Amino acid sequence: MAILAPFQPRFGAGIVVSPAAASANSAIGKGNKQIHFANLTSAVCYVSIGYSGLTASTADFPIPGNSTRVLSKDEDMTHVAYISAAGTTLHIIPGEGWI
């Protein structure tokens, strides 16, 4: 179980991606228990966390436009998948703790 502590990002590990109508994924590495997502535009984005080959769909977790979310993951999970029908910009950074 995660400790309720301020989010501590893994500096230098953040990525900026451009989710579009087709699902894509990015490697985030092992080891951290949470991932912070910042949706930087007004379009909704859907995300999923797992392993290589992962895809996202509108049945996955929504990140509303102009908002942030922290999601927990298994420490061994290595990839994040994302999709956005309208297109958006998403900043993703692993770490531990909550906002």
PDB file of N, CA and C in Angstrom:
ATOM      1  N   MET A   1       0.841  -1.170   0.000  1.00  0.00           N
ATOM      2  CA  MET A   1       0.000   0.000   0.000  1.00  0.00           C
ATOM      3  C   MET A   1       0.892   1.241   0.000  1.00  0.00           C
ATOM      4  N   ALA A   2       0.501   2.214  -0.792  1.00  0.00           N
ATOM      5  CA  ALA A   2       1.280   3.445  -0.910  1.00  0.00           C
ATOM      6  C   ALA A   2       1.110   4.311   0.333  1.00  0.00           C
ATOM      7  N   ILE A   3       2.158   4.972   0.701  1.00  0.00           N
ATOM      8  CA  ILE A   3       2.118   5.910   1.814  1.00  0.00           C
ATOM      9  C   ILE A   3       1.574   7.231   1.300  1.00  0.00           C
ATOM     10  N   LEU A   4       0.664   7.850   2.061  1.00  0.00           N
ATOM     11  CA  LEU A   4       0.128   9.136   1.657  1.00  0.00           C
ATOM     12  C   LEU A   4       1.128  10.221   2.012  1.00  0.00           C
ATOM     13  N   ALA A   5       2.001  10.525   1.070  1.00  0.00           N
ATOM     14  CA  ALA A   5       3.042  11.530   1.232  1.00  0.00           C
ATOM     15  C   ALA A   5       3.025  12.419   0.001  1.00  0.00           C
ATOM     16  N   PRO A   6       3.576  13.610   0.078  1.00  0.00           N
ATOM     17  CA  PRO A   6       3.629  14.470  -1.103  1.00  0.00           C
ATOM     18  C   PRO A   6       4.319  13.757  -2.265  1.00  0.00           C
ATOM     19  N   PHE A   7       3.833  14.003  -3.462  1.00  0.00           N
ATOM     20  CA  PHE A   7       4.408  13.368  -4.643  1.00  0.00           C
ATOM     21  C   PHE A   7       5.863  13.781  -4.812  1.00  0.00           C
ATOM     22  N   GLN A   8       6.711  12.789  -4.991  1.00  0.00           N
ATOM     23  CA  GLN A   8       8.133  13.011  -5.219  1.00  0.00           C
ATOM     24  C   GLN A   8       8.463  12.486  -6.608  1.00  0.00           C
ATOM     25  N   PRO A   9       8.565  13.370  -7.601  1.00  0.00           N
ATOM     26  CA  PRO A   9       8.837  12.917  -8.962  1.00  0.00           C
ATOM     27  C   PRO A   9      10.246  12.351  -9.095  1.00  0.00           C
ATOM     28  N   ARG A  10      10.400  11.455 -10.050  1.00  0.00           N
ATOM     29  CA  ARG A  10      11.730  10.963 -10.404  1.00  0.00           C
ATOM     30  C   ARG A  10      12.276  11.943 -11.447  1.00  0.00           C
ATOM     31  N   PHE A  11      12.932  12.979 -10.974  1.00  0.00           N
ATOM     32  CA  PHE A  11      13.416  14.040 -11.850  1.00  0.00           C
ATOM     33  C   PHE A  11      14.263  13.469 -12.980  1.00  0.00           C
ATOM     34  N   GLY A  12      14.083  14.032 -14.149  1.00  0.00           N
ATOM     35  CA  GLY A  12      14.810  13.567 -15.323  1.00  0.00           C
ATOM     36  C   GLY A  12      14.124  12.435 -16.054  1.00  0.00           C
ATOM     37  N   ALA A  13      13.012  11.905 -15.502  1.00  0.00           N
ATOM     38  CA  ALA A  13      12.324  10.772 -16.120  1.00  0.00           C
ATOM     39  C   ALA A  13      11.007  11.168 -16.785  1.00  0.00           C
ATOM     40  N   GLY A  14      10.654  12.447 -16.746  1.00  0.00           N
ATOM     41  CA  GLY A  14       9.401  12.897 -17.344  1.00  0.00           C
ATOM     42  C   GLY A  14       9.467  12.890 -18.861  1.00  0.00           C
ATOM     43  N   ILE A  15       8.305  12.657 -19.479  1.00  0.00           N
ATOM     44  CA  ILE A  15       8.194  12.694 -20.934  1.00  0.00           C
ATOM     45  C   ILE A  15       6.972  13.520 -21.311  1.00  0.00           C
ATOM     46  N   VAL A  16       7.009  14.100 -22.493  1.00  0.00           N
ATOM     47  CA  VAL A  16       5.864  14.810 -23.047  1.00  0.00           C
ATOM     48  C   VAL A  16       5.470  14.073 -24.313  1.00  0.00           C
ATOM     49  N   VAL A  17       4.188  13.680 -24.391  1.00  0.00           N
ATOM     50  CA  VAL A  17       3.691  12.936 -25.540  1.00  0.00           C
ATOM     51  C   VAL A  17       2.482  13.657 -26.130  1.00  0.00           C
ATOM     52  N   SER A  18       2.119  13.280 -27.338  1.00  0.00           N
ATOM     53  CA  SER A  18       0.986  13.891 -28.034  1.00  0.00           C
ATOM     54  C   SER A  18      -0.042  12.832 -28.389  1.00  0.00           C
ATOM     55  N   PRO A  19      -0.905  12.445 -27.431  1.00  0.00           N
ATOM     56  CA  PRO A  19      -1.922  11.448 -27.718  1.00  0.00           C
ATOM     57  C   PRO A  19      -2.808  11.897 -28.883  1.00  0.00           C
ATOM     58  N   ALA A  20      -3.162  10.955 -29.737  1.00  0.00           N
ATOM     59  CA  ALA A  20      -4.001  11.222 -30.896  1.00  0.00           C
ATOM     60  C   ALA A  20      -5.077  10.142 -30.977  1.00  0.00           C
ATOM     61  N   ALA A  21      -5.772  10.064 -32.118  1.00  0.00           N
ATOM     62  CA  ALA A  21      -6.895   9.144 -32.288  1.00  0.00           C
ATOM     63  C   ALA A  21      -6.483   7.672 -32.256  1.00  0.00           C
ATOM     64  N   ALA A  22      -5.223   7.380 -32.549  1.00  0.00           N
ATOM     65  CA  ALA A  22      -4.723   6.005 -32.463  1.00  0.00           C
ATOM     66  C   ALA A  22      -3.936   5.846 -31.173  1.00  0.00           C
ATOM     67  N   SER A  23      -4.100   4.715 -30.495  1.00  0.00           N
ATOM     68  CA  SER A  23      -3.367   4.460 -29.260  1.00  0.00           C
ATOM     69  C   SER A  23      -1.874   4.375 -29.528  1.00  0.00           C
ATOM     70  N   ALA A  24      -1.098   4.907 -28.591  1.00  0.00           N
ATOM     71  CA  ALA A  24       0.363   4.803 -28.625  1.00  0.00           C
ATOM     72  C   ALA A  24       0.825   4.514 -27.202  1.00  0.00           C
ATOM     73  N   ASN A  25       2.077   4.091 -27.049  1.00  0.00           N
ATOM     74  CA  ASN A  25       2.580   3.873 -25.694  1.00  0.00           C
ATOM     75  C   ASN A  25       4.029   4.304 -25.596  1.00  0.00           C
ATOM     76  N   SER A  26       4.458   4.522 -24.358  1.00  0.00           N
ATOM     77  CA  SER A  26       5.825   4.940 -24.061  1.00  0.00           C
ATOM     78  C   SER A  26       6.333   4.173 -22.857  1.00  0.00           C
ATOM     79  N   ALA A  27       7.632   3.910 -22.853  1.00  0.00           N
ATOM     80  CA  ALA A  27       8.271   3.259 -21.710  1.00  0.00           C
ATOM     81  C   ALA A  27       8.452   4.263 -20.575  1.00  0.00           C
ATOM     82  N   ILE A  28       8.159   3.840 -19.352  1.00  0.00           N
ATOM     83  CA  ILE A  28       8.364   4.689 -18.176  1.00  0.00           C
ATOM     84  C   ILE A  28       9.332   4.054 -17.186  1.00  0.00           C
ATOM     85  N   GLY A  29       9.711   2.815 -17.433  1.00  0.00           N
ATOM     86  CA  GLY A  29      10.662   2.137 -16.565  1.00  0.00           C
ATOM     87  C   GLY A  29      10.019   1.525 -15.332  1.00  0.00           C
ATOM     88  N   LYS A  30      10.789   0.712 -14.654  1.00  0.00           N
ATOM     89  CA  LYS A  30      10.341   0.028 -13.440  1.00  0.00           C
ATOM     90  C   LYS A  30      10.704   0.836 -12.207  1.00  0.00           C
ATOM     91  N   GLY A  31      10.118   0.441 -11.085  1.00  0.00           N
ATOM     92  CA  GLY A  31      10.606   0.924  -9.803  1.00  0.00           C
ATOM     93  C   GLY A  31       9.723   1.883  -9.055  1.00  0.00           C
ATOM     94  N   ASN A  32       8.997   2.752  -9.720  1.00  0.00           N
ATOM     95  CA  ASN A  32       8.170   3.707  -8.999  1.00  0.00           C
ATOM     96  C   ASN A  32       6.744   3.190  -8.849  1.00  0.00           C
ATOM     97  N   LYS A  33       6.061   3.663  -7.813  1.00  0.00           N
ATOM     98  CA  LYS A  33       4.725   3.164  -7.493  1.00  0.00           C
ATOM     99  C   LYS A  33       3.600   4.045  -8.021  1.00  0.00           C
ATOM    100  N   GLN A  34       3.904   5.288  -8.382  1.00  0.00           N
ATOM    101  CA  GLN A  34       2.876   6.183  -8.899  1.00  0.00           C
ATOM    102  C   GLN A  34       3.371   6.859 -10.177  1.00  0.00           C
ATOM    103  N   ILE A  35       2.400   7.323 -10.963  1.00  0.00           N
ATOM    104  CA  ILE A  35       2.699   8.111 -12.151  1.00  0.00           C
ATOM    105  C   ILE A  35       1.815   9.346 -12.109  1.00  0.00           C
ATOM    106  N   HIS A  36       2.423  10.497 -12.321  1.00  0.00           N
ATOM    107  CA  HIS A  36       1.696  11.768 -12.380  1.00  0.00           C
ATOM    108  C   HIS A  36       1.455  12.107 -13.845  1.00  0.00           C
ATOM    109  N   PHE A  37       0.192  12.377 -14.183  1.00  0.00           N
ATOM    110  CA  PHE A  37      -0.206  12.756 -15.530  1.00  0.00           C
ATOM    111  C   PHE A  37      -0.692  14.203 -15.489  1.00  0.00           C
ATOM    112  N   ALA A  38      -0.194  15.046 -16.376  1.00  0.00           N
ATOM    113  CA  ALA A  38      -0.680  16.417 -16.517  1.00  0.00           C
ATOM    114  C   ALA A  38      -1.154  16.593 -17.954  1.00  0.00           C
ATOM    115  N   ASN A  39      -2.477  16.745 -18.117  1.00  0.00           N
ATOM    116  CA  ASN A  39      -3.049  16.976 -19.438  1.00  0.00           C
ATOM    117  C   ASN A  39      -2.983  18.482 -19.691  1.00  0.00           C
ATOM    118  N   LEU A  40      -2.187  18.904 -20.646  1.00  0.00           N
ATOM    119  CA  LEU A  40      -1.859  20.314 -20.822  1.00  0.00           C
ATOM    120  C   LEU A  40      -2.789  21.077 -21.760  1.00  0.00           C
ATOM    121  N   THR A  41      -3.777  20.417 -22.341  1.00  0.00           N
ATOM    122  CA  THR A  41      -4.747  21.112 -23.201  1.00  0.00           C
ATOM    123  C   THR A  41      -6.158  20.769 -22.752  1.00  0.00           C
ATOM    124  N   SER A  42      -7.164  21.227 -23.485  1.00  0.00           N
ATOM    125  CA  SER A  42      -8.553  21.064 -23.050  1.00  0.00           C
ATOM    126  C   SER A  42      -9.203  19.735 -23.452  1.00  0.00           C
ATOM    127  N   ALA A  43      -8.545  18.929 -24.274  1.00  0.00           N
ATOM    128  CA  ALA A  43      -9.137  17.666 -24.734  1.00  0.00           C
ATOM    129  C   ALA A  43      -8.876  16.535 -23.741  1.00  0.00           C
ATOM    130  N   VAL A  44      -9.862  15.690 -23.534  1.00  0.00           N
ATOM    131  CA  VAL A  44      -9.704  14.541 -22.643  1.00  0.00           C
ATOM    132  C   VAL A  44      -8.728  13.533 -23.251  1.00  0.00           C
ATOM    133  N   CYS A  45      -8.027  12.824 -22.381  1.00  0.00           N
ATOM    134  CA  CYS A  45      -7.082  11.786 -22.778  1.00  0.00           C
ATOM    135  C   CYS A  45      -7.364  10.557 -21.917  1.00  0.00           C
ATOM    136  N   TYR A  46      -7.243   9.369 -22.487  1.00  0.00           N
ATOM    137  CA  TYR A  46      -7.442   8.128 -21.741  1.00  0.00           C
ATOM    138  C   TYR A  46      -6.109   7.409 -21.627  1.00  0.00           C
ATOM    139  N   VAL A  47      -5.815   6.869 -20.433  1.00  0.00           N
ATOM    140  CA  VAL A  47      -4.524   6.229 -20.197  1.00  0.00           C
ATOM    141  C   VAL A  47      -4.691   4.841 -19.590  1.00  0.00           C
ATOM    142  N   SER A  48      -3.676   4.037 -19.816  1.00  0.00           N
ATOM    143  CA  SER A  48      -3.592   2.706 -19.232  1.00  0.00           C
ATOM    144  C   SER A  48      -2.137   2.469 -18.854  1.00  0.00           C
ATOM    145  N   ILE A  49      -1.896   1.697 -17.810  1.00  0.00           N
ATOM    146  CA  ILE A  49      -0.541   1.405 -17.343  1.00  0.00           C
ATOM    147  C   ILE A  49      -0.337  -0.107 -17.364  1.00  0.00           C
ATOM    148  N   GLY A  50       0.793  -0.556 -17.906  1.00  0.00           N
ATOM    149  CA  GLY A  50       1.045  -1.998 -17.961  1.00  0.00           C
ATOM    150  C   GLY A  50       2.426  -2.312 -18.489  1.00  0.00           C
ATOM    151  N   TYR A  51       2.452  -3.182 -19.492  1.00  0.00           N
ATOM    152  CA  TYR A  51       3.706  -3.703 -20.021  1.00  0.00           C
ATOM    153  C   TYR A  51       3.831  -3.424 -21.518  1.00  0.00           C
ATOM    154  N   SER A  52       4.936  -3.771 -22.114  1.00  0.00           N
ATOM    155  CA  SER A  52       5.199  -3.564 -23.534  1.00  0.00           C
ATOM    156  C   SER A  52       4.027  -4.077 -24.377  1.00  0.00           C
ATOM    157  N   GLY A  53       3.690  -3.355 -25.432  1.00  0.00           N
ATOM    158  CA  GLY A  53       2.583  -3.757 -26.302  1.00  0.00           C
ATOM    159  C   GLY A  53       1.233  -3.263 -25.831  1.00  0.00           C
ATOM    160  N   LEU A  54       1.206  -2.522 -24.755  1.00  0.00           N
ATOM    161  CA  LEU A  54      -0.029  -2.009 -24.163  1.00  0.00           C
ATOM    162  C   LEU A  54      -0.734  -1.036 -25.109  1.00  0.00           C
ATOM    163  N   THR A  55      -2.073  -1.078 -25.122  1.00  0.00           N
ATOM    164  CA  THR A  55      -2.860  -0.095 -25.868  1.00  0.00           C
ATOM    165  C   THR A  55      -3.860   0.553 -24.919  1.00  0.00           C
ATOM    166  N   ALA A  56      -4.353   1.718 -25.307  1.00  0.00           N
ATOM    167  CA  ALA A  56      -5.362   2.432 -24.526  1.00  0.00           C
ATOM    168  C   ALA A  56      -6.621   2.590 -25.363  1.00  0.00           C
ATOM    169  N   SER A  57      -7.757   2.726 -24.674  1.00  0.00           N
ATOM    170  CA  SER A  57      -9.036   2.967 -25.342  1.00  0.00           C
ATOM    171  C   SER A  57      -9.874   3.876 -24.449  1.00  0.00           C
ATOM    172  N   THR A  58     -11.033   4.258 -24.932  1.00  0.00           N
ATOM    173  CA  THR A  58     -11.920   5.113 -24.139  1.00  0.00           C
ATOM    174  C   THR A  58     -12.517   4.363 -22.954  1.00  0.00           C
ATOM    175  N   ALA A  59     -12.247   3.076 -22.838  1.00  0.00           N
ATOM    176  CA  ALA A  59     -12.679   2.302 -21.669  1.00  0.00           C
ATOM    177  C   ALA A  59     -11.669   2.394 -20.531  1.00  0.00           C
ATOM    178  N   ASP A  60     -10.535   3.061 -20.772  1.00  0.00           N
ATOM    179  CA  ASP A  60      -9.500   3.198 -19.753  1.00  0.00           C
ATOM    180  C   ASP A  60      -9.692   4.475 -18.939  1.00  0.00           C
ATOM    181  N   PHE A  61      -8.698   4.842 -18.131  1.00  0.00           N
ATOM    182  CA  PHE A  61      -8.840   5.942 -17.178  1.00  0.00           C
ATOM    183  C   PHE A  61      -8.781   7.295 -17.890  1.00  0.00           C
ATOM    184  N   PRO A  62      -9.804   8.153 -17.717  1.00  0.00           N
ATOM    185  CA  PRO A  62      -9.781   9.467 -18.363  1.00  0.00           C
ATOM    186  C   PRO A  62      -8.983  10.493 -17.557  1.00  0.00           C
ATOM    187  N   ILE A  63      -8.203  11.279 -18.274  1.00  0.00           N
ATOM    188  CA  ILE A  63      -7.530  12.439 -17.687  1.00  0.00           C
ATOM    189  C   ILE A  63      -8.207  13.652 -18.335  1.00  0.00           C
ATOM    190  N   PRO A  64      -9.074  14.352 -17.601  1.00  0.00           N
ATOM    191  CA  PRO A  64      -9.770  15.503 -18.192  1.00  0.00           C
ATOM    192  C   PRO A  64      -8.781  16.566 -18.672  1.00  0.00           C
ATOM    193  N   GLY A  65      -9.227  17.372 -19.608  1.00  0.00           N
ATOM    194  CA  GLY A  65      -8.398  18.452 -20.112  1.00  0.00           C
ATOM    195  C   GLY A  65      -8.003  19.425 -19.017  1.00  0.00           C
ATOM    196  N   ASN A  66      -6.811  19.983 -19.135  1.00  0.00           N
ATOM    197  CA  ASN A  66      -6.293  20.976 -18.188  1.00  0.00           C
ATOM    198  C   ASN A  66      -6.349  20.498 -16.737  1.00  0.00           C
ATOM    199  N   SER A  67      -5.973  19.245 -16.517  1.00  0.00           N
ATOM    200  CA  SER A  67      -6.002  18.703 -15.156  1.00  0.00           C
ATOM    201  C   SER A  67      -4.832  17.750 -14.935  1.00  0.00           C
ATOM    202  N   THR A  68      -4.647  17.350 -13.687  1.00  0.00           N
ATOM    203  CA  THR A  68      -3.605  16.391 -13.336  1.00  0.00           C
ATOM    204  C   THR A  68      -4.223  15.246 -12.543  1.00  0.00           C
ATOM    205  N   ARG A  69      -3.577  14.086 -12.623  1.00  0.00           N
ATOM    206  CA  ARG A  69      -3.973  12.922 -11.848  1.00  0.00           C
ATOM    207  C   ARG A  69      -2.722  12.137 -11.486  1.00  0.00           C
ATOM    208  N   VAL A  70      -2.755  11.451 -10.340  1.00  0.00           N
ATOM    209  CA  VAL A  70      -1.706  10.525  -9.943  1.00  0.00           C
ATOM    210  C   VAL A  70      -2.346   9.150  -9.850  1.00  0.00           C
ATOM    211  N   LEU A  71      -1.783   8.178 -10.567  1.00  0.00           N
ATOM    212  CA  LEU A  71      -2.274   6.810 -10.545  1.00  0.00           C
ATOM    213  C   LEU A  71      -1.197   5.886  -9.993  1.00  0.00           C
ATOM    214  N   SER A  72      -1.618   4.895  -9.219  1.00  0.00           N
ATOM    215  CA  SER A  72      -0.686   3.898  -8.692  1.00  0.00           C
ATOM    216  C   SER A  72      -0.475   2.793  -9.712  1.00  0.00           C
ATOM    217  N   LYS A  73       0.670   2.124  -9.590  1.00  0.00           N
ATOM    218  CA  LYS A  73       0.976   1.007 -10.475  1.00  0.00           C
ATOM    219  C   LYS A  73       1.827  -0.014  -9.733  1.00  0.00           C
ATOM    220  N   ASP A  74       1.892  -1.204 -10.271  1.00  0.00           N
ATOM    221  CA  ASP A  74       2.811  -2.214  -9.785  1.00  0.00           C
ATOM    222  C   ASP A  74       4.221  -1.750 -10.138  1.00  0.00           C
ATOM    223  N   GLU A  75       5.172  -1.919  -9.253  1.00  0.00           N
ATOM    224  CA  GLU A  75       6.539  -1.444  -9.489  1.00  0.00           C
ATOM    225  C   GLU A  75       7.181  -2.054 -10.734  1.00  0.00           C
ATOM    226  N   ASP A  76       6.706  -3.226 -11.169  1.00  0.00           N
ATOM    227  CA  ASP A  76       7.293  -3.882 -12.337  1.00  0.00           C
ATOM    228  C   ASP A  76       6.696  -3.409 -13.660  1.00  0.00           C
ATOM    229  N   MET A  77       5.584  -2.673 -13.633  1.00  0.00           N
ATOM    230  CA  MET A  77       4.978  -2.185 -14.879  1.00  0.00           C
ATOM    231  C   MET A  77       5.903  -1.172 -15.537  1.00  0.00           C
ATOM    232  N   THR A  78       6.017  -1.250 -16.867  1.00  0.00           N
ATOM    233  CA  THR A  78       7.039  -0.494 -17.582  1.00  0.00           C
ATOM    234  C   THR A  78       6.523   0.486 -18.640  1.00  0.00           C
ATOM    235  N   HIS A  79       5.225   0.450 -18.964  1.00  0.00           N
ATOM    236  CA  HIS A  79       4.719   1.271 -20.065  1.00  0.00           C
ATOM    237  C   HIS A  79       3.417   1.983 -19.708  1.00  0.00           C
ATOM    238  N   VAL A  80       3.196   3.094 -20.389  1.00  0.00           N
ATOM    239  CA  VAL A  80       1.949   3.847 -20.314  1.00  0.00           C
ATOM    240  C   VAL A  80       1.405   3.946 -21.731  1.00  0.00           C
ATOM    241  N   ALA A  81       0.105   3.661 -21.905  1.00  0.00           N
ATOM    242  CA  ALA A  81      -0.555   3.838 -23.202  1.00  0.00           C
ATOM    243  C   ALA A  81      -1.530   5.001 -23.080  1.00  0.00           C
ATOM    244  N   TYR A  82      -1.781   5.689 -24.193  1.00  0.00           N
ATOM    245  CA  TYR A  82      -2.634   6.875 -24.172  1.00  0.00           C
ATOM    246  C   TYR A  82      -3.328   7.039 -25.520  1.00  0.00           C
ATOM    247  N   ILE A  83      -4.488   7.705 -25.468  1.00  0.00           N
ATOM    248  CA  ILE A  83      -5.273   7.966 -26.669  1.00  0.00           C
ATOM    249  C   ILE A  83      -6.130   9.204 -26.420  1.00  0.00           C
ATOM    250  N   SER A  84      -6.350  10.000 -27.468  1.00  0.00           N
ATOM    251  CA  SER A  84      -7.198  11.181 -27.365  1.00  0.00           C
ATOM    252  C   SER A  84      -7.783  11.477 -28.747  1.00  0.00           C
ATOM    253  N   ALA A  85      -9.079  11.323 -28.891  1.00  0.00           N
ATOM    254  CA  ALA A  85      -9.723  11.534 -30.192  1.00  0.00           C
ATOM    255  C   ALA A  85      -9.483  12.936 -30.726  1.00  0.00           C
ATOM    256  N   ALA A  86      -9.479  13.947 -29.864  1.00  0.00           N
ATOM    257  CA  ALA A  86      -9.290  15.337 -30.285  1.00  0.00           C
ATOM    258  C   ALA A  86      -7.822  15.737 -30.316  1.00  0.00           C
ATOM    259  N   GLY A  87      -6.950  14.902 -29.770  1.00  0.00           N
ATOM    260  CA  GLY A  87      -5.527  15.236 -29.678  1.00  0.00           C
ATOM    261  C   GLY A  87      -5.259  16.124 -28.471  1.00  0.00           C
ATOM    262  N   THR A  88      -4.141  15.913 -27.830  1.00  0.00           N
ATOM    263  CA  THR A  88      -3.777  16.696 -26.655  1.00  0.00           C
ATOM    264  C   THR A  88      -2.276  16.599 -26.428  1.00  0.00           C
ATOM    265  N   THR A  89      -1.796  17.242 -25.396  1.00  0.00           N
ATOM    266  CA  THR A  89      -0.405  17.132 -24.960  1.00  0.00           C
ATOM    267  C   THR A  89      -0.421  16.648 -23.517  1.00  0.00           C
ATOM    268  N   LEU A  90       0.322  15.595 -23.247  1.00  0.00           N
ATOM    269  CA  LEU A  90       0.306  14.958 -21.935  1.00  0.00           C
ATOM    270  C   LEU A  90       1.727  14.875 -21.392  1.00  0.00           C
ATOM    271  N   HIS A  91       1.928  15.378 -20.164  1.00  0.00           N
ATOM    272  CA  HIS A  91       3.215  15.227 -19.487  1.00  0.00           C
ATOM    273  C   HIS A  91       3.068  14.064 -18.503  1.00  0.00           C
ATOM    274  N   ILE A  92       4.026  13.146 -18.550  1.00  0.00           N
ATOM    275  CA  ILE A  92       3.991  11.938 -17.717  1.00  0.00           C
ATOM    276  C   ILE A  92       5.306  11.858 -16.947  1.00  0.00           C
ATOM    277  N   ILE A  93       5.204  11.677 -15.617  1.00  0.00           N
ATOM    278  CA  ILE A  93       6.436  11.509 -14.828  1.00  0.00           C
ATOM    279  C   ILE A  93       6.188  10.493 -13.706  1.00  0.00           C
ATOM    280  N   PRO A  94       7.047   9.470 -13.595  1.00  0.00           N
ATOM    281  CA  PRO A  94       6.918   8.517 -12.502  1.00  0.00           C
ATOM    282  C   PRO A  94       7.449   9.127 -11.208  1.00  0.00           C
ATOM    283  N   GLY A  95       7.042   8.550 -10.102  1.00  0.00           N
ATOM    284  CA  GLY A  95       7.499   8.996  -8.795  1.00  0.00           C
ATOM    285  C   GLY A  95       6.791   8.221  -7.714  1.00  0.00           C
ATOM    286  N   GLU A  96       6.742   8.803  -6.529  1.00  0.00           N
ATOM    287  CA  GLU A  96       6.032   8.169  -5.417  1.00  0.00           C
ATOM    288  C   GLU A  96       5.365   9.228  -4.576  1.00  0.00           C
ATOM    289  N   GLY A  97       4.148   8.920  -4.123  1.00  0.00           N
ATOM    290  CA  GLY A  97       3.387   9.830  -3.292  1.00  0.00           C
ATOM    291  C   GLY A  97       2.184  10.392  -4.013  1.00  0.00           C
ATOM    292  N   TRP A  98       1.538  11.358  -3.399  1.00  0.00           N
ATOM    293  CA  TRP A  98       0.279  11.926  -3.901  1.00  0.00           C
ATOM    294  C   TRP A  98       0.348  13.433  -3.925  1.00  0.00           C
ATOM    295  N   ILE A  99      -0.507  14.020  -4.715  1.00  0.00           N
ATOM    296  CA  ILE A  99      -0.591  15.478  -4.795  1.00  0.00           C
ATOM    297  C   ILE A  99      -1.665  15.948  -3.835  1.00  0.00           C
TER     298      ILE A  99
END
